[in-house]
Amino acid sequence: MIRKPDAGAGTPATLALVRAGIPFAPHPYAHDPAAASYGLEAARELGLDPERVFKTLLADADGALVVGVVPVAGQLDLKALASAVGAKKAVMADPARAERKTGYVLGGISPVGQKSALTTVIDESALLHDTVFVSGGRRGLDIELAPSDLARAASATFAAIARA
């Protein structure tokens, strides 16, 4: 069941959701710093189908940073993301720039509560699930919420931006 936690503590992502009145459920897990894939680690540790767990990736689309949210088992299709945001080309963003613009560290970048408002696109496969899981703003914390609520919280659109 999705609930609203207390607003007294949390990450920028959880606090933003509480302020917006968007229901979600926090799912902490023991993070292993040696994990090769933070997203797959979250799915494994939480006992979830990797198709319901989404990773947040940043790309440079014609000079502008944009956010792509895709299932952890797949990859971001940069050409599809560029098309979804009206750009000619997209490449993966410099990790240090991604951390500066979002206010999060790699492996803990949430699509919600970022320091700078960035254009965000969620893979349309999220709509196949009642709820999805994304980073809660730190390594070892995922949040569960409805895809429509995620889109509202991140001011995001949906498009086919993932590939297997």
C-alpha atoms as a PDB file:
ATOM      1  CA  MET A   1       0.000   0.000   0.000  1.00  0.00           C
ATOM      2  CA  ILE A   2       1.293   3.417  -0.884  1.00  0.00           C
ATOM      3  CA  ARG A   3       1.343   5.953   1.908  1.00  0.00           C
ATOM      4  CA  LYS A   4       2.665   9.398   2.671  1.00  0.00           C
ATOM      5  CA  PRO A   5       5.583   9.397   5.105  1.00  0.00           C
ATOM      6  CA  ASP A   6       6.214  12.187   7.594  1.00  0.00           C
ATOM      7  CA  ALA A   7       7.609  15.348   6.046  1.00  0.00           C
ATOM      8  CA  GLY A   8      10.126  15.824   8.878  1.00  0.00           C
ATOM      9  CA  ALA A   9      12.989  13.908   7.266  1.00  0.00           C
ATOM     10  CA  GLY A  10      13.930  12.538   3.911  1.00  0.00           C
ATOM     11  CA  THR A  11      15.609  13.238   0.625  1.00  0.00           C
ATOM     12  CA  PRO A  12      14.770  16.073  -1.769  1.00  0.00           C
ATOM     13  CA  ALA A  13      12.709  13.509  -3.736  1.00  0.00           C
ATOM     14  CA  THR A  14      10.599  12.322  -0.796  1.00  0.00           C
ATOM     15  CA  LEU A  15      10.165  15.849   0.529  1.00  0.00           C
ATOM     16  CA  ALA A  16       9.021  17.069  -2.906  1.00  0.00           C
ATOM     17  CA  LEU A  17       6.447  14.281  -3.068  1.00  0.00           C
ATOM     18  CA  VAL A  18       5.148  15.073   0.418  1.00  0.00           C
ATOM     19  CA  ARG A  19       4.901  18.805  -0.427  1.00  0.00           C
ATOM     20  CA  ALA A  20       3.004  17.978  -3.629  1.00  0.00           C
ATOM     21  CA  GLY A  21       0.637  15.634  -1.783  1.00  0.00           C
ATOM     22  CA  ILE A  22       1.649  12.712  -4.007  1.00  0.00           C
ATOM     23  CA  PRO A  23       1.343   9.313  -2.317  1.00  0.00           C
ATOM     24  CA  PHE A  24       4.347   7.008  -2.418  1.00  0.00           C
ATOM     25  CA  ALA A  25       6.007   4.251  -0.413  1.00  0.00           C
ATOM     26  CA  PRO A  26       9.701   4.327   0.509  1.00  0.00           C
ATOM     27  CA  HIS A  27      11.630   1.056   0.079  1.00  0.00           C
ATOM     28  CA  PRO A  28      15.074   1.168   1.706  1.00  0.00           C
ATOM     29  CA  TYR A  29      17.524  -1.667   1.106  1.00  0.00           C
ATOM     30  CA  ALA A  30      21.116  -2.490   1.977  1.00  0.00           C
ATOM     31  CA  HIS A  31      23.253  -0.958  -0.772  1.00  0.00           C
ATOM     32  CA  ASP A  32      26.480  -2.713  -1.745  1.00  0.00           C
ATOM     33  CA  PRO A  33      29.075  -0.124  -2.907  1.00  0.00           C
ATOM     34  CA  ALA A  34      30.581  -2.807  -5.188  1.00  0.00           C
ATOM     35  CA  ALA A  35      27.298  -3.353  -7.081  1.00  0.00           C
ATOM     36  CA  ALA A  36      27.837  -3.190 -10.852  1.00  0.00           C
ATOM     37  CA  SER A  37      24.310  -1.889 -11.537  1.00  0.00           C
ATOM     38  CA  TYR A  38      22.486   0.180  -8.933  1.00  0.00           C
ATOM     39  CA  GLY A  39      19.103  -0.406 -10.582  1.00  0.00           C
ATOM     40  CA  LEU A  40      19.451  -4.171 -10.882  1.00  0.00           C
ATOM     41  CA  GLU A  41      20.724  -4.243  -7.311  1.00  0.00           C
ATOM     42  CA  ALA A  42      17.548  -2.459  -6.165  1.00  0.00           C
ATOM     43  CA  ALA A  43      15.331  -4.924  -8.056  1.00  0.00           C
ATOM     44  CA  ARG A  44      17.202  -7.886  -6.583  1.00  0.00           C
ATOM     45  CA  GLU A  45      17.301  -6.553  -3.016  1.00  0.00           C
ATOM     46  CA  LEU A  46      13.618  -5.595  -3.067  1.00  0.00           C
ATOM     47  CA  GLY A  47      12.553  -8.842  -4.786  1.00  0.00           C
ATOM     48  CA  LEU A  48      11.008  -7.016  -7.744  1.00  0.00           C
ATOM     49  CA  ASP A  49      10.581  -7.686 -11.432  1.00  0.00           C
ATOM     50  CA  PRO A  50      13.255  -5.482 -13.104  1.00  0.00           C
ATOM     51  CA  GLU A  51      10.583  -4.269 -15.548  1.00  0.00           C
ATOM     52  CA  ARG A  52       8.950  -2.336 -12.643  1.00  0.00           C
ATOM     53  CA  VAL A  53      12.187  -0.730 -11.452  1.00  0.00           C
ATOM     54  CA  PHE A  54      13.296   2.316 -13.436  1.00  0.00           C
ATOM     55  CA  LYS A  55      16.656   4.057 -13.620  1.00  0.00           C
ATOM     56  CA  THR A  56      17.175   7.775 -14.121  1.00  0.00           C
ATOM     57  CA  LEU A  57      19.708   8.682 -16.808  1.00  0.00           C
ATOM     58  CA  LEU A  58      20.807  12.092 -18.011  1.00  0.00           C
ATOM     59  CA  ALA A  59      21.669  12.938 -21.582  1.00  0.00           C
ATOM     60  CA  ASP A  60      22.891  15.992 -23.428  1.00  0.00           C
ATOM     61  CA  ALA A  61      20.378  16.710 -26.197  1.00  0.00           C
ATOM     62  CA  ASP A  62      21.664  19.427 -28.516  1.00  0.00           C
ATOM     63  CA  GLY A  63      23.412  21.079 -25.553  1.00  0.00           C
ATOM     64  CA  ALA A  64      20.550  20.795 -23.035  1.00  0.00           C
ATOM     65  CA  LEU A  65      20.460  18.262 -20.225  1.00  0.00           C
ATOM     66  CA  VAL A  66      17.426  15.988 -20.364  1.00  0.00           C
ATOM     67  CA  VAL A  67      16.311  13.088 -18.189  1.00  0.00           C
ATOM     68  CA  GLY A  68      15.336   9.632 -19.447  1.00  0.00           C
ATOM     69  CA  VAL A  69      13.642   7.179 -17.073  1.00  0.00           C
ATOM     70  CA  VAL A  70      13.805   3.573 -18.321  1.00  0.00           C
ATOM     71  CA  PRO A  71      13.505   0.042 -16.888  1.00  0.00           C
ATOM     72  CA  VAL A  72      16.725  -1.108 -15.207  1.00  0.00           C
ATOM     73  CA  ALA A  73      16.799  -4.257 -17.347  1.00  0.00           C
ATOM     74  CA  GLY A  74      16.933  -2.191 -20.553  1.00  0.00           C
ATOM     75  CA  GLN A  75      18.890   0.672 -22.030  1.00  0.00           C
ATOM     76  CA  LEU A  76      18.120   4.246 -22.911  1.00  0.00           C
ATOM     77  CA  ASP A  77      17.626   4.680 -26.659  1.00  0.00           C
ATOM     78  CA  LEU A  78      19.391   8.005 -27.173  1.00  0.00           C
ATOM     79  CA  LYS A  79      17.960   8.504 -30.655  1.00  0.00           C
ATOM     80  CA  ALA A  80      14.408   7.976 -29.353  1.00  0.00           C
ATOM     81  CA  LEU A  81      15.040  10.323 -26.423  1.00  0.00           C
ATOM     82  CA  ALA A  82      16.361  13.020 -28.766  1.00  0.00           C
ATOM     83  CA  SER A  83      13.263  12.638 -30.911  1.00  0.00           C
ATOM     84  CA  ALA A  84      10.973  12.781 -27.856  1.00  0.00           C
ATOM     85  CA  VAL A  85      12.450  16.130 -26.781  1.00  0.00           C
ATOM     86  CA  GLY A  86      12.703  17.603 -30.281  1.00  0.00           C
ATOM     87  CA  ALA A  87      16.496  17.400 -30.511  1.00  0.00           C
ATOM     88  CA  LYS A  88      18.644  16.197 -33.389  1.00  0.00           C
ATOM     89  CA  LYS A  89      21.061  14.184 -31.259  1.00  0.00           C
ATOM     90  CA  ALA A  90      21.530  13.007 -27.684  1.00  0.00           C
ATOM     91  CA  VAL A  91      24.596  11.604 -25.942  1.00  0.00           C
ATOM     92  CA  MET A  92      25.024  10.480 -22.353  1.00  0.00           C
ATOM     93  CA  ALA A  93      25.730  13.429 -20.076  1.00  0.00           C
ATOM     94  CA  ASP A  94      28.982  13.946 -18.235  1.00  0.00           C
ATOM     95  CA  PRO A  95      28.471  12.306 -14.800  1.00  0.00           C
ATOM     96  CA  ALA A  96      29.846  15.314 -12.878  1.00  0.00           C
ATOM     97  CA  ARG A  97      27.487  17.656 -14.751  1.00  0.00           C
ATOM     98  CA  ALA A  98      24.564  15.307 -14.038  1.00  0.00           C
ATOM     99  CA  GLU A  99      25.360  15.369 -10.320  1.00  0.00           C
ATOM    100  CA  ARG A 100      25.722  19.180 -10.252  1.00  0.00           C
ATOM    101  CA  LYS A 101      22.441  19.821 -12.088  1.00  0.00           C
ATOM    102  CA  THR A 102      20.345  17.292 -10.180  1.00  0.00           C
ATOM    103  CA  GLY A 103      21.864  17.645  -6.718  1.00  0.00           C
ATOM    104  CA  TYR A 104      22.112  13.860  -6.453  1.00  0.00           C
ATOM    105  CA  VAL A 105      25.023  11.401  -6.685  1.00  0.00           C
ATOM    106  CA  LEU A 106      25.220   8.746  -9.401  1.00  0.00           C
ATOM    107  CA  GLY A 107      23.266   5.673  -8.364  1.00  0.00           C
ATOM    108  CA  GLY A 108      20.934   7.886  -6.356  1.00  0.00           C
ATOM    109  CA  ILE A 109      19.625  10.291  -9.002  1.00  0.00           C
ATOM    110  CA  SER A 110      15.874  10.541  -8.691  1.00  0.00           C
ATOM    111  CA  PRO A 111      13.633  11.967 -11.398  1.00  0.00           C
ATOM    112  CA  VAL A 112      11.844  13.831  -8.574  1.00  0.00           C
ATOM    113  CA  GLY A 113      13.150  16.756  -6.522  1.00  0.00           C
ATOM    114  CA  GLN A 114      16.081  17.648  -8.722  1.00  0.00           C
ATOM    115  CA  LYS A 115      17.977  20.885  -8.049  1.00  0.00           C
ATOM    116  CA  SER A 116      17.329  22.152 -11.602  1.00  0.00           C
ATOM    117  CA  ALA A 117      14.102  21.576 -13.514  1.00  0.00           C
ATOM    118  CA  LEU A 118      15.027  19.408 -16.495  1.00  0.00           C
ATOM    119  CA  THR A 119      12.925  18.078 -19.358  1.00  0.00           C
ATOM    120  CA  THR A 120      12.025  14.527 -18.337  1.00  0.00           C
ATOM    121  CA  VAL A 121      10.737  11.603 -20.396  1.00  0.00           C
ATOM    122  CA  ILE A 122       9.558   8.316 -18.863  1.00  0.00           C
ATOM    123  CA  ASP A 123       9.516   5.181 -20.982  1.00  0.00           C
ATOM    124  CA  GLU A 124       5.921   4.349 -21.847  1.00  0.00           C
ATOM    125  CA  SER A 125       6.335   0.809 -20.475  1.00  0.00           C
ATOM    126  CA  ALA A 126       5.806   2.364 -17.016  1.00  0.00           C
ATOM    127  CA  LEU A 127       2.129   2.681 -17.931  1.00  0.00           C
ATOM    128  CA  LEU A 128       1.852  -1.133 -17.982  1.00  0.00           C
ATOM    129  CA  HIS A 129       2.202  -1.205 -14.173  1.00  0.00           C
ATOM    130  CA  ASP A 130      -0.015   0.040 -11.343  1.00  0.00           C
ATOM    131  CA  THR A 131       3.114   1.255  -9.558  1.00  0.00           C
ATOM    132  CA  VAL A 132       6.781   1.604 -10.475  1.00  0.00           C
ATOM    133  CA  PHE A 133       9.966   2.061  -8.467  1.00  0.00           C
ATOM    134  CA  VAL A 134      12.538   4.827  -8.982  1.00  0.00           C
ATOM    135  CA  SER A 135      15.451   6.109  -6.936  1.00  0.00           C
ATOM    136  CA  GLY A 136      14.373   7.926  -3.822  1.00  0.00           C
ATOM    137  CA  GLY A 137      17.325  10.291  -3.974  1.00  0.00           C
ATOM    138  CA  ARG A 138      20.091   8.229  -2.430  1.00  0.00           C
ATOM    139  CA  ARG A 139      21.724   4.864  -2.983  1.00  0.00           C
ATOM    140  CA  GLY A 140      19.795   2.206  -1.089  1.00  0.00           C
ATOM    141  CA  LEU A 141      16.376   3.886  -1.311  1.00  0.00           C
ATOM    142  CA  ASP A 142      13.718   3.374  -3.959  1.00  0.00           C
ATOM    143  CA  ILE A 143      10.267   4.913  -3.923  1.00  0.00           C
ATOM    144  CA  GLU A 144       7.128   3.274  -5.256  1.00  0.00           C
ATOM    145  CA  LEU A 145       4.413   5.332  -6.872  1.00  0.00           C
ATOM    146  CA  ALA A 146       1.893   5.283  -9.691  1.00  0.00           C
ATOM    147  CA  PRO A 147       3.354   6.136 -13.123  1.00  0.00           C
ATOM    148  CA  SER A 148       0.922   9.046 -13.509  1.00  0.00           C
ATOM    149  CA  ASP A 149       2.034  10.439 -10.142  1.00  0.00           C
ATOM    150  CA  LEU A 150       5.677  10.061 -11.155  1.00  0.00           C
ATOM    151  CA  ALA A 151       4.990  12.009 -14.336  1.00  0.00           C
ATOM    152  CA  ARG A 152       3.189  14.722 -12.379  1.00  0.00           C
ATOM    153  CA  ALA A 153       5.979  14.977  -9.780  1.00  0.00           C
ATOM    154  CA  ALA A 154       8.712  15.170 -12.444  1.00  0.00           C
ATOM    155  CA  SER A 155       6.701  17.256 -14.954  1.00  0.00           C
ATOM    156  CA  ALA A 156       7.422  14.407 -17.353  1.00  0.00           C
ATOM    157  CA  THR A 157       5.967  13.015 -20.536  1.00  0.00           C
ATOM    158  CA  PHE A 158       5.799   9.393 -21.700  1.00  0.00           C
ATOM    159  CA  ALA A 159       7.444   8.063 -24.878  1.00  0.00           C
ATOM    160  CA  ALA A 160       9.059   4.876 -26.169  1.00  0.00           C
ATOM    161  CA  ILE A 161      12.663   5.631 -25.138  1.00  0.00           C
ATOM    162  CA  ALA A 162      13.909   2.217 -23.931  1.00  0.00           C
ATOM    163  CA  ARG A 163      15.390  -0.733 -25.763  1.00  0.00           C
ATOM    164  CA  ALA A 164      16.215  -4.207 -24.522  1.00  0.00           C
END
